[in-house]
Amino acid sequence: MILTLEVLGILTMCTIMFVSIWGFIIMKQMLSQLKYRNYLVEKLTQYMHFLTKKNDVSQTKTDNNKKE
């Protein structure tokens, strides 16, 4: 009976360790993907801001030329 409990305890500990290690690896990969996605979104936001700013400057120049 005691031997059965010891074997069951060892199997349980090995299973928990296996699941914990894989959980850590998966969480690390998810964090890496999240950082990459945030990087891409930031670059897209900067590019959109640049285009908007460029468009505003060109419209201002056009408006100034029309006033003259």
N, C-alpha and C. Protein backbone atom coordinates (compact mmCIF):
# COMPACT_ATOMS: atom_id res chain seq x y z
N MET A 1 0.83 -1.20 0.00
CA MET A 1 0.00 0.00 0.00
C MET A 1 0.87 1.25 0.00
N ILE A 2 1.89 1.26 0.83
CA ILE A 2 2.77 2.43 0.91
C ILE A 2 3.54 2.59 -0.40
N LEU A 3 3.97 1.48 -0.97
CA LEU A 3 4.70 1.53 -2.25
C LEU A 3 3.81 2.12 -3.35
N THR A 4 2.54 1.77 -3.36
CA THR A 4 1.60 2.29 -4.34
C THR A 4 1.44 3.80 -4.19
N LEU A 5 1.33 4.27 -2.96
CA LEU A 5 1.21 5.71 -2.72
C LEU A 5 2.48 6.45 -3.14
N GLU A 6 3.65 5.86 -2.88
CA GLU A 6 4.90 6.49 -3.28
C GLU A 6 4.99 6.59 -4.81
N VAL A 7 4.64 5.51 -5.50
CA VAL A 7 4.68 5.53 -6.97
C VAL A 7 3.67 6.54 -7.50
N LEU A 8 2.48 6.55 -6.94
CA LEU A 8 1.46 7.51 -7.36
C LEU A 8 1.92 8.94 -7.10
N GLY A 9 2.57 9.20 -5.96
CA GLY A 9 3.09 10.53 -5.65
C GLY A 9 4.18 10.95 -6.63
N ILE A 10 5.08 10.03 -6.96
CA ILE A 10 6.15 10.34 -7.91
C ILE A 10 5.56 10.64 -9.30
N LEU A 11 4.60 9.85 -9.74
CA LEU A 11 3.96 10.10 -11.03
C LEU A 11 3.23 11.44 -11.04
N THR A 12 2.58 11.76 -9.94
CA THR A 12 1.88 13.04 -9.85
C THR A 12 2.86 14.21 -9.92
N MET A 13 3.99 14.09 -9.19
CA MET A 13 5.00 15.16 -9.21
C MET A 13 5.60 15.32 -10.60
N CYS A 14 5.88 14.20 -11.27
CA CYS A 14 6.45 14.28 -12.62
C CYS A 14 5.45 14.92 -13.59
N THR A 15 4.19 14.58 -13.45
CA THR A 15 3.16 15.16 -14.32
C THR A 15 3.04 16.66 -14.09
N ILE A 16 3.03 17.07 -12.83
CA ILE A 16 2.91 18.49 -12.52
C ILE A 16 4.14 19.25 -13.03
N MET A 17 5.33 18.67 -12.87
CA MET A 17 6.54 19.33 -13.37
C MET A 17 6.49 19.46 -14.90
N PHE A 18 6.05 18.41 -15.57
CA PHE A 18 5.96 18.42 -17.04
C PHE A 18 5.00 19.51 -17.51
N VAL A 19 3.84 19.56 -16.90
CA VAL A 19 2.84 20.57 -17.27
C VAL A 19 3.35 21.98 -16.95
N SER A 20 4.01 22.15 -15.82
CA SER A 20 4.54 23.47 -15.44
C SER A 20 5.61 23.94 -16.41
N ILE A 21 6.52 23.06 -16.79
CA ILE A 21 7.59 23.45 -17.71
C ILE A 21 7.01 23.83 -19.06
N TRP A 22 6.09 23.04 -19.59
CA TRP A 22 5.49 23.36 -20.88
C TRP A 22 4.64 24.63 -20.79
N GLY A 23 3.99 24.83 -19.67
CA GLY A 23 3.23 26.06 -19.48
C GLY A 23 4.14 27.28 -19.51
N PHE A 24 5.31 27.16 -18.87
CA PHE A 24 6.27 28.26 -18.88
C PHE A 24 6.77 28.54 -20.29
N ILE A 25 7.07 27.48 -21.04
CA ILE A 25 7.57 27.66 -22.41
C ILE A 25 6.50 28.33 -23.28
N ILE A 26 5.27 27.88 -23.15
CA ILE A 26 4.19 28.46 -23.96
C ILE A 26 3.95 29.92 -23.58
N MET A 27 3.97 30.23 -22.29
CA MET A 27 3.78 31.62 -21.86
C MET A 27 4.92 32.51 -22.38
N LYS A 28 6.13 31.99 -22.39
CA LYS A 28 7.26 32.75 -22.89
C LYS A 28 7.09 33.05 -24.38
N GLN A 29 6.64 32.06 -25.15
CA GLN A 29 6.41 32.28 -26.58
C GLN A 29 5.27 33.26 -26.81
N MET A 30 4.23 33.17 -26.01
CA MET A 30 3.12 34.11 -26.14
C MET A 30 3.57 35.53 -25.85
N LEU A 31 4.39 35.71 -24.83
CA LEU A 31 4.91 37.04 -24.50
C LEU A 31 5.77 37.58 -25.64
N SER A 32 6.58 36.71 -26.23
CA SER A 32 7.42 37.13 -27.36
C SER A 32 6.56 37.59 -28.53
N GLN A 33 5.51 36.84 -28.85
CA GLN A 33 4.61 37.23 -29.93
C GLN A 33 3.88 38.53 -29.62
N LEU A 34 3.51 38.70 -28.37
CA LEU A 34 2.82 39.93 -27.97
C LEU A 34 3.73 41.14 -28.11
N LYS A 35 4.99 40.99 -27.73
CA LYS A 35 5.95 42.09 -27.89
C LYS A 35 6.14 42.42 -29.36
N TYR A 36 6.23 41.39 -30.20
CA TYR A 36 6.41 41.61 -31.64
C TYR A 36 5.18 42.31 -32.23
N ARG A 37 4.00 41.87 -31.82
CA ARG A 37 2.77 42.50 -32.32
C ARG A 37 2.71 43.97 -31.89
N ASN A 38 3.08 44.25 -30.64
CA ASN A 38 3.09 45.64 -30.18
C ASN A 38 4.09 46.48 -30.96
N TYR A 39 5.23 45.88 -31.30
CA TYR A 39 6.23 46.58 -32.10
C TYR A 39 5.65 46.94 -33.47
N LEU A 40 4.99 45.98 -34.11
CA LEU A 40 4.40 46.23 -35.43
C LEU A 40 3.29 47.28 -35.36
N VAL A 41 2.47 47.22 -34.33
CA VAL A 41 1.40 48.21 -34.17
C VAL A 41 1.99 49.59 -33.95
N GLU A 42 3.07 49.68 -33.18
CA GLU A 42 3.72 50.98 -32.95
C GLU A 42 4.29 51.54 -34.25
N LYS A 43 4.93 50.68 -35.04
CA LYS A 43 5.47 51.14 -36.33
C LYS A 43 4.34 51.60 -37.25
N LEU A 44 3.24 50.87 -37.28
CA LEU A 44 2.10 51.25 -38.10
C LEU A 44 1.52 52.59 -37.64
N THR A 45 1.42 52.78 -36.34
CA THR A 45 0.92 54.04 -35.80
C THR A 45 1.84 55.21 -36.17
N GLN A 46 3.14 54.99 -36.06
CA GLN A 46 4.08 56.04 -36.44
C GLN A 46 3.97 56.38 -37.92
N TYR A 47 3.83 55.37 -38.75
CA TYR A 47 3.71 55.60 -40.19
C TYR A 47 2.43 56.35 -40.52
N MET A 48 1.33 55.96 -39.87
CA MET A 48 0.07 56.66 -40.10
C MET A 48 0.17 58.12 -39.65
N HIS A 49 0.82 58.35 -38.53
CA HIS A 49 1.01 59.73 -38.05
C HIS A 49 1.85 60.51 -39.05
N PHE A 50 2.90 59.88 -39.56
CA PHE A 50 3.76 60.54 -40.55
C PHE A 50 2.96 60.90 -41.80
N LEU A 51 2.13 59.96 -42.28
CA LEU A 51 1.32 60.25 -43.47
C LEU A 51 0.32 61.37 -43.21
N THR A 52 -0.31 61.35 -42.05
CA THR A 52 -1.27 62.39 -41.72
C THR A 52 -0.59 63.75 -41.63
N LYS A 53 0.55 63.77 -40.99
CA LYS A 53 1.29 65.02 -40.85
C LYS A 53 1.74 65.53 -42.22
N LYS A 54 2.20 64.61 -43.06
CA LYS A 54 2.64 65.00 -44.40
C LYS A 54 1.46 65.53 -45.20
N ASN A 55 0.31 64.89 -45.07
CA ASN A 55 -0.89 65.32 -45.78
C ASN A 55 -1.35 66.69 -45.28
N ASP A 56 -1.28 66.92 -43.97
CA ASP A 56 -1.66 68.22 -43.42
C ASP A 56 -0.74 69.33 -43.93
N VAL A 57 0.55 69.06 -44.01
CA VAL A 57 1.49 70.06 -44.48
C VAL A 57 1.22 70.38 -45.95
N SER A 58 0.95 69.37 -46.76
CA SER A 58 0.70 69.63 -48.19
C SER A 58 -0.61 70.39 -48.37
N GLN A 59 -1.62 70.10 -47.54
CA GLN A 59 -2.88 70.85 -47.63
C GLN A 59 -2.69 72.29 -47.20
N THR A 60 -1.89 72.51 -46.19
CA THR A 60 -1.62 73.87 -45.73
C THR A 60 -0.91 74.67 -46.82
N LYS A 61 0.04 74.06 -47.48
CA LYS A 61 0.74 74.74 -48.57
C LYS A 61 -0.22 75.07 -49.71
N THR A 62 -1.11 74.14 -50.02
CA THR A 62 -2.10 74.37 -51.07
C THR A 62 -3.04 75.50 -50.68
N ASP A 63 -3.47 75.52 -49.42
CA ASP A 63 -4.37 76.56 -48.95
C ASP A 63 -3.66 77.92 -48.98
N ASN A 64 -2.41 77.95 -48.63
CA ASN A 64 -1.66 79.20 -48.64
C ASN A 64 -1.51 79.72 -50.07
N ASN A 65 -1.29 78.82 -51.02
CA ASN A 65 -1.16 79.23 -52.41
C ASN A 65 -2.48 79.77 -52.95
N LYS A 66 -3.59 79.20 -52.53
CA LYS A 66 -4.90 79.66 -52.98
C LYS A 66 -5.20 81.06 -52.43
N LYS A 67 -4.74 81.33 -51.21
CA LYS A 67 -5.00 82.65 -50.59
C LYS A 67 -4.25 83.75 -51.31
N GLU A 68 -3.10 83.42 -51.82
CA GLU A 68 -2.29 84.44 -52.49
C GLU A 68 -2.82 84.71 -53.82
